[in-house]
Amino acid sequence: MSTPNIKDFLNINFSFAPNSSWKAGDYSNLLSLAVGNLTYLETINSPFLPNADSFHLHLTETGISELHNNFRFITKEQLKRLGKVILIIDETHEPYYGSKKDAWVHDYKPEKGCTGSYKFMCVSVLKGEKRFFVDAVPLSVFSDTKKILREMLSYLKTIVCIKVVLMDRGFNSGEIIDIFEDLRLKYLMLYRETAGVKPLIEKTKNYGKQKYLVNKKHETNLVIIKEQIKGKEIVWIFATNLGNCFSYIKLYKKRWNIETGFRVCDEARIKTKSRKIETRYFLFLIAFLFYNGWKTFCNEPLKRVLLELTMKIFFEKHRDLFLSMAMKILSKYPT
């Protein structure tokens, strides 16, 4: 696991006095135990580790912008070494179960029993078998997603060579297409089956590509592909500024890597009872750092890695107890 990255992230977000009882490694272990036990941070109680109150106190003065910049700082060097990459952008929701809502809680309910959700725009990179989360920001109900997307892409363009950006149909708009044209970035996204698109689908036999006006100001290439799968016709509609592509479908399916990443990160999600967006955002980013470390150093399933990490921490903190128990057991069986 990439614990050094997590420790680094803690060090740059927390301030530790020279005589502090707890250091970044202790808080890293606290987070690891919460992940390994799939429990709330507030339920971890050990005399050998800081508690949740201490954790929340350290985060008090850390704002959203600072957390965002610090996460970028942690992932920047790893990103630079990748060379030319595929960028995947998507939004994800984290369930909220409280009765009180603020501007950070959206009405969408991703799980049964929740009352709303926190929403994040996330960026994943793909280079061969390497895949990492490299950026994420929380979205309030008032967030300008187009402005945020433009800033994200502008930043990433200065760090890494972007081969193409993959997105789902949730990003369909002339303004977003305009962002890609302004930044001179290649994109491939699913497009909605609008009233204007339906006649084009009907005219297309198997494959068609043509210029299409999204609105009066914005134009894209509309690609329509019809597949027969088990006797059923599947229609793919893409908006793109790519030239001739050997397989738009094969390329687009790489976008599903971010969906898989979200599901895996759910296994490393640290629960908290705090309603503060800064705390929620920090723990959301920590899950990404666990994922990045796992993808870098491990071949085993993440659940097994987290369990082994939990057992290692528990043994190290209770070493004397384990040794005394072992000695008592051995004393019963003299050699």
Protein backbone atom coordinates (compact mmCIF):
# COMPACT_ATOMS: atom_id res chain seq x y z
CA MET A 1 0.00 0.00 0.00
CA SER A 2 1.14 3.54 -0.72
CA THR A 3 1.21 4.54 2.96
CA PRO A 4 4.04 7.05 2.34
CA ASN A 5 1.62 8.99 0.10
CA ILE A 6 -1.03 8.92 2.80
CA LYS A 7 1.51 10.01 5.41
CA ASP A 8 2.67 12.79 3.12
CA PHE A 9 -0.92 13.89 2.59
CA LEU A 10 -1.46 13.94 6.35
CA ASN A 11 1.77 15.84 6.94
CA ILE A 12 0.90 18.64 4.53
CA ASN A 13 -2.68 18.97 5.80
CA PHE A 14 -2.01 18.54 9.53
CA SER A 15 0.39 20.58 11.66
CA PHE A 16 2.34 18.51 14.18
CA ALA A 17 4.15 20.17 17.09
CA PRO A 18 7.67 18.84 17.85
CA ASN A 19 6.43 17.35 21.12
CA SER A 20 3.13 16.08 19.67
CA SER A 21 2.00 12.71 21.03
CA TRP A 22 0.80 11.59 17.61
CA LYS A 23 2.45 11.83 14.21
CA ALA A 24 1.30 11.33 10.63
CA GLY A 25 1.98 7.58 10.84
CA ASP A 26 -0.39 7.26 13.81
CA TYR A 27 -3.21 9.00 11.94
CA SER A 28 -2.44 6.88 8.89
CA ASN A 29 -2.91 3.77 11.05
CA LEU A 30 -6.16 5.18 12.43
CA LEU A 31 -7.49 5.64 8.89
CA SER A 32 -6.23 2.18 7.86
CA LEU A 33 -8.07 0.52 10.76
CA ALA A 34 -11.29 2.36 9.85
CA VAL A 35 -10.92 1.14 6.25
CA GLY A 36 -9.99 -2.41 7.20
CA ASN A 37 -12.96 -2.72 9.57
CA LEU A 38 -15.40 -0.96 7.21
CA THR A 39 -16.51 1.20 10.09
CA TYR A 40 -16.91 4.80 11.13
CA LEU A 41 -13.80 6.72 12.04
CA GLU A 42 -15.49 7.69 15.30
CA THR A 43 -15.82 4.03 16.42
CA ILE A 44 -12.07 3.29 16.35
CA ASN A 45 -10.98 3.35 19.98
CA SER A 46 -7.44 2.35 20.93
CA PRO A 47 -5.02 3.70 23.56
CA PHE A 48 -2.27 3.23 20.99
CA LEU A 49 -3.82 5.53 18.38
CA PRO A 50 -5.29 9.05 18.23
CA ASN A 51 -9.08 9.26 18.32
CA ALA A 52 -11.54 10.82 15.89
CA ASP A 53 -11.82 14.02 17.98
CA SER A 54 -8.10 14.60 17.57
CA PHE A 55 -8.39 13.92 13.86
CA HIS A 56 -11.25 16.42 13.42
CA LEU A 57 -9.35 19.02 15.44
CA HIS A 58 -6.36 18.80 13.08
CA LEU A 59 -8.64 19.29 10.04
CA THR A 60 -10.39 22.34 11.48
CA GLU A 61 -8.29 24.94 9.66
CA THR A 62 -7.89 23.03 6.38
CA GLY A 63 -10.11 24.36 3.60
CA ILE A 64 -11.39 22.74 0.42
CA SER A 65 -8.96 24.62 -1.85
CA GLU A 66 -6.02 23.61 0.33
CA LEU A 67 -7.06 19.95 0.33
CA HIS A 68 -7.49 20.05 -3.44
CA ASN A 69 -4.08 21.62 -4.07
CA ASN A 70 -2.39 19.22 -1.66
CA PHE A 71 -3.92 16.18 -3.35
CA ARG A 72 -2.65 17.46 -6.69
CA PHE A 73 0.78 17.93 -5.17
CA ILE A 74 0.81 14.31 -3.96
CA THR A 75 -0.23 12.86 -7.34
CA LYS A 76 1.71 15.26 -9.58
CA GLU A 77 5.05 13.39 -9.75
CA GLN A 78 3.33 10.05 -10.38
CA LEU A 79 1.33 11.68 -13.18
CA LYS A 80 4.40 13.23 -14.82
CA ARG A 81 6.04 9.82 -15.27
CA LEU A 82 3.15 8.34 -17.26
CA GLY A 83 3.74 10.13 -20.58
CA LYS A 84 0.77 10.04 -22.98
CA VAL A 85 -2.45 9.02 -21.22
CA ILE A 86 -6.18 8.55 -21.67
CA LEU A 87 -8.12 10.83 -19.36
CA ILE A 88 -11.47 9.71 -17.92
CA ILE A 89 -13.83 12.18 -16.26
CA ASP A 90 -16.97 11.30 -14.35
CA GLU A 91 -19.07 12.27 -11.36
CA THR A 92 -19.81 10.04 -8.38
CA HIS A 93 -22.06 10.28 -5.33
CA GLU A 94 -21.44 9.39 -1.69
CA PRO A 95 -24.56 8.57 0.38
CA TYR A 96 -25.70 10.97 3.11
CA TYR A 97 -27.98 9.73 5.90
CA GLY A 98 -28.55 12.87 7.97
CA SER A 99 -31.78 14.81 8.48
CA LYS A 100 -30.22 18.25 8.05
CA LYS A 101 -29.07 19.29 4.59
CA ASP A 102 -26.85 22.10 3.36
CA ALA A 103 -25.63 23.27 -0.06
CA TRP A 104 -23.24 20.29 -0.33
CA VAL A 105 -25.98 17.66 -0.06
CA HIS A 106 -27.74 16.81 -3.33
CA ASP A 107 -31.21 15.29 -3.61
CA TYR A 108 -29.99 12.20 -5.52
CA LYS A 109 -30.15 9.05 -3.35
CA PRO A 110 -27.61 6.43 -4.50
CA GLU A 111 -28.47 3.90 -1.80
CA LYS A 112 -31.62 2.71 -0.08
CA GLY A 113 -32.21 4.54 3.18
CA CYS A 114 -30.01 7.56 2.46
CA THR A 115 -31.54 11.05 2.43
CA GLY A 116 -29.25 12.58 -0.20
CA SER A 117 -25.65 12.50 -1.35
CA TYR A 118 -22.38 14.36 -1.65
CA LYS A 119 -21.23 14.75 -5.24
CA PHE A 120 -17.68 14.77 -6.64
CA MET A 121 -16.21 15.38 -10.08
CA CYS A 122 -13.28 13.01 -10.54
CA VAL A 123 -10.47 12.40 -13.01
CA SER A 124 -8.76 9.08 -13.64
CA VAL A 125 -5.83 8.42 -15.98
CA LEU A 126 -5.20 5.25 -17.97
CA LYS A 127 -1.84 4.21 -19.41
CA GLY A 128 -1.74 0.54 -20.39
CA GLU A 129 -2.38 -1.40 -17.20
CA LYS A 130 -1.66 1.64 -15.03
CA ARG A 131 -4.66 3.57 -13.75
CA PHE A 132 -4.84 6.19 -11.03
CA PHE A 133 -7.15 8.86 -9.67
CA VAL A 134 -5.39 12.20 -10.11
CA ASP A 135 -7.99 14.85 -9.33
CA ALA A 136 -11.33 15.30 -7.58
CA VAL A 137 -13.42 18.20 -6.31
CA PRO A 138 -16.67 18.28 -4.32
CA LEU A 139 -19.67 19.83 -6.06
CA SER A 140 -22.28 21.86 -4.24
CA VAL A 141 -25.78 22.39 -5.62
CA PHE A 142 -24.53 25.79 -6.83
CA SER A 143 -21.26 24.62 -8.44
CA ASP A 144 -20.48 25.68 -12.00
CA THR A 145 -19.41 22.29 -13.38
CA LYS A 146 -18.31 23.76 -16.71
CA LYS A 147 -15.96 26.20 -14.99
CA ILE A 148 -14.58 23.41 -12.79
CA LEU A 149 -14.09 21.11 -15.79
CA ARG A 150 -12.21 23.81 -17.72
CA GLU A 151 -9.89 24.45 -14.77
CA MET A 152 -9.23 20.71 -14.28
CA LEU A 153 -8.40 20.14 -17.93
CA SER A 154 -6.22 23.27 -18.10
CA TYR A 155 -4.24 22.07 -15.07
CA LEU A 156 -3.82 18.49 -16.30
CA LYS A 157 -2.76 19.67 -19.74
CA THR A 158 0.28 21.34 -18.15
CA ILE A 159 1.30 18.14 -16.34
CA VAL A 160 0.71 15.29 -18.79
CA CYS A 161 0.22 14.62 -22.50
CA ILE A 162 -3.50 13.88 -23.01
CA LYS A 163 -4.28 11.45 -25.84
CA VAL A 164 -8.06 11.70 -25.51
CA VAL A 165 -10.69 12.46 -22.85
CA LEU A 166 -13.53 9.96 -22.35
CA MET A 167 -16.88 10.97 -20.81
CA ASP A 168 -20.44 9.71 -20.63
CA ARG A 169 -23.55 11.44 -21.93
CA GLY A 170 -23.96 13.41 -18.70
CA PHE A 171 -21.43 15.90 -20.11
CA ASN A 172 -23.33 16.56 -23.35
CA SER A 173 -23.54 20.29 -23.99
CA GLY A 174 -22.26 22.77 -26.53
CA GLU A 175 -20.43 24.69 -23.80
CA ILE A 176 -18.46 21.61 -22.75
CA ILE A 177 -17.60 20.78 -26.37
CA ASP A 178 -16.42 24.39 -26.69
CA ILE A 179 -14.05 23.85 -23.73
CA PHE A 180 -12.32 21.00 -25.57
CA GLU A 181 -12.00 23.04 -28.74
CA ASP A 182 -10.58 26.00 -26.80
CA LEU A 183 -8.02 23.78 -25.07
CA ARG A 184 -7.32 21.80 -28.27
CA LEU A 185 -8.03 18.48 -26.60
CA LYS A 186 -9.43 15.34 -28.22
CA TYR A 187 -12.64 13.96 -26.72
CA LEU A 188 -15.02 11.04 -27.12
CA MET A 189 -18.35 10.98 -25.34
CA LEU A 190 -21.68 9.22 -25.62
CA TYR A 191 -24.35 11.51 -27.04
CA ARG A 192 -28.03 11.75 -26.21
CA GLU A 193 -30.68 10.40 -28.56
CA THR A 194 -32.33 13.79 -29.11
CA ALA A 195 -35.13 14.64 -31.54
CA GLY A 196 -32.55 15.96 -34.00
CA VAL A 197 -30.46 12.77 -33.79
CA LYS A 198 -33.29 10.24 -34.29
CA PRO A 199 -33.64 10.86 -38.07
CA LEU A 200 -29.89 10.35 -38.48
CA ILE A 201 -30.09 7.03 -36.63
CA GLU A 202 -32.89 5.85 -38.91
CA LYS A 203 -30.85 6.76 -42.02
CA THR A 204 -27.71 4.99 -40.77
CA LYS A 205 -27.35 1.33 -41.79
CA ASN A 206 -24.28 0.22 -39.84
CA TYR A 207 -21.93 3.18 -39.52
CA GLY A 208 -22.17 6.91 -40.12
CA LYS A 209 -20.09 9.97 -39.32
CA GLN A 210 -21.07 13.55 -40.04
CA LYS A 211 -20.85 17.13 -38.81
CA TYR A 212 -23.57 17.98 -36.33
CA LEU A 213 -24.66 21.30 -34.82
CA VAL A 214 -25.13 20.83 -31.08
CA ASN A 215 -26.62 24.33 -31.03
CA LYS A 216 -26.24 27.49 -33.11
CA LYS A 217 -22.66 28.02 -31.94
CA HIS A 218 -21.16 24.59 -31.39
CA GLU A 219 -20.39 21.80 -33.85
CA THR A 220 -19.12 18.27 -33.35
CA ASN A 221 -18.66 15.04 -35.29
CA LEU A 222 -21.54 12.69 -34.66
CA VAL A 223 -20.67 9.01 -35.03
CA ILE A 224 -23.48 6.43 -35.17
CA ILE A 225 -22.62 2.73 -35.00
CA LYS A 226 -25.10 -0.15 -35.00
CA GLU A 227 -24.11 -3.51 -33.53
CA GLN A 228 -25.95 -6.82 -33.53
CA ILE A 229 -25.44 -8.59 -30.20
CA LYS A 230 -27.33 -11.85 -29.64
CA GLY A 231 -29.92 -10.81 -32.17
CA LYS A 232 -30.50 -7.43 -30.57
CA GLU A 233 -29.51 -4.15 -32.21
CA ILE A 234 -27.36 -1.85 -30.07
CA VAL A 235 -26.99 1.76 -31.24
CA TRP A 236 -23.93 3.74 -30.17
CA ILE A 237 -24.02 7.52 -30.58
CA PHE A 238 -20.76 9.37 -30.04
CA ALA A 239 -19.78 13.04 -30.14
CA THR A 240 -16.08 13.45 -30.91
CA ASN A 241 -13.40 15.53 -32.57
CA LEU A 242 -11.20 12.49 -33.21
CA GLY A 243 -10.20 11.69 -36.76
CA ASN A 244 -10.73 8.21 -38.17
CA CYS A 245 -10.62 5.79 -35.27
CA PHE A 246 -10.09 2.03 -35.67
CA SER A 247 -12.78 1.36 -33.06
CA TYR A 248 -14.75 4.08 -31.29
CA ILE A 249 -16.56 1.46 -29.22
CA LYS A 250 -13.37 -0.27 -28.04
CA LEU A 251 -11.85 3.09 -27.10
CA TYR A 252 -14.96 4.29 -25.31
CA LYS A 253 -15.25 1.10 -23.25
CA LYS A 254 -12.01 2.12 -21.53
CA ARG A 255 -14.14 4.73 -19.77
CA TRP A 256 -15.60 1.92 -17.69
CA ASN A 257 -12.27 1.78 -15.84
CA ILE A 258 -13.37 4.75 -13.75
CA GLU A 259 -16.64 3.01 -12.83
CA THR A 260 -14.61 -0.01 -11.67
CA GLY A 261 -12.33 2.35 -9.76
CA PHE A 262 -15.30 3.90 -7.96
CA ARG A 263 -16.57 0.45 -6.93
CA VAL A 264 -13.15 -0.57 -5.63
CA CYS A 265 -12.76 2.72 -3.76
CA ASP A 266 -16.06 2.02 -2.01
CA GLU A 267 -14.19 -0.83 -0.30
CA ALA A 268 -11.67 1.72 1.01
CA ARG A 269 -14.22 4.39 1.91
CA ILE A 270 -13.89 5.64 5.49
CA LYS A 271 -17.21 6.40 7.09
CA THR A 272 -17.67 9.44 9.29
CA LYS A 273 -20.50 11.00 11.26
CA SER A 274 -19.20 14.48 10.49
CA ARG A 275 -21.33 16.70 8.23
CA LYS A 276 -18.41 19.00 7.40
CA ILE A 277 -17.60 18.92 3.70
CA GLU A 278 -13.89 19.37 4.46
CA THR A 279 -13.87 16.13 6.47
CA ARG A 280 -15.93 14.27 3.86
CA TYR A 281 -13.66 15.54 1.09
CA PHE A 282 -10.48 14.62 2.97
CA LEU A 283 -11.65 11.04 3.56
CA PHE A 284 -12.83 10.78 -0.05
CA LEU A 285 -9.31 11.70 -1.22
CA ILE A 286 -7.74 9.25 1.25
CA ALA A 287 -9.74 6.44 -0.41
CA PHE A 288 -8.22 7.48 -3.76
CA LEU A 289 -4.72 7.36 -2.23
CA PHE A 290 -5.41 3.84 -0.92
CA TYR A 291 -6.57 2.88 -4.42
CA ASN A 292 -3.54 4.45 -6.12
CA GLY A 293 -1.17 2.67 -3.75
CA TRP A 294 -2.94 -0.63 -4.30
CA LYS A 295 -2.78 -0.27 -8.09
CA THR A 296 0.93 0.58 -7.86
CA PHE A 297 2.24 -2.05 -5.47
CA CYS A 298 -0.26 -4.91 -5.09
CA ASN A 299 -1.67 -7.73 -7.19
CA GLU A 300 -3.97 -9.14 -4.51
CA PRO A 301 -7.63 -8.13 -4.01
CA LEU A 302 -7.95 -4.84 -2.13
CA LYS A 303 -10.08 -6.37 0.64
CA ARG A 304 -7.31 -8.88 1.44
CA VAL A 305 -4.67 -6.15 1.41
CA LEU A 306 -6.72 -3.97 3.78
CA LEU A 307 -7.31 -6.94 6.12
CA GLU A 308 -3.59 -7.76 6.20
CA LEU A 309 -2.80 -4.10 6.86
CA THR A 310 -5.29 -4.03 9.74
CA MET A 311 -3.81 -7.18 11.28
CA LYS A 312 -0.29 -5.78 10.94
CA ILE A 313 -1.22 -2.54 12.71
CA PHE A 314 -3.07 -4.42 15.45
CA PHE A 315 -0.11 -6.76 16.04
CA GLU A 316 2.42 -3.93 16.14
CA LYS A 317 0.35 -1.96 18.68
CA HIS A 318 -0.30 -5.02 20.86
CA ARG A 319 3.03 -6.80 20.39
CA ASP A 320 3.68 -7.25 24.14
CA LEU A 321 0.24 -8.78 24.67
CA PHE A 322 0.75 -11.25 21.82
CA LEU A 323 4.22 -12.22 23.07
CA SER A 324 3.05 -12.79 26.65
CA MET A 325 0.17 -14.97 25.40
CA ALA A 326 2.60 -16.93 23.23
CA MET A 327 4.96 -17.47 26.17
CA LYS A 328 2.12 -18.76 28.35
CA ILE A 329 1.05 -21.20 25.66
CA LEU A 330 4.61 -22.43 25.07
CA SER A 331 5.21 -22.87 28.82
CA LYS A 332 2.53 -25.57 28.84
CA TYR A 333 4.48 -27.61 26.31
CA PRO A 334 8.06 -27.93 27.61
CA THR A 335 10.57 -29.28 25.10
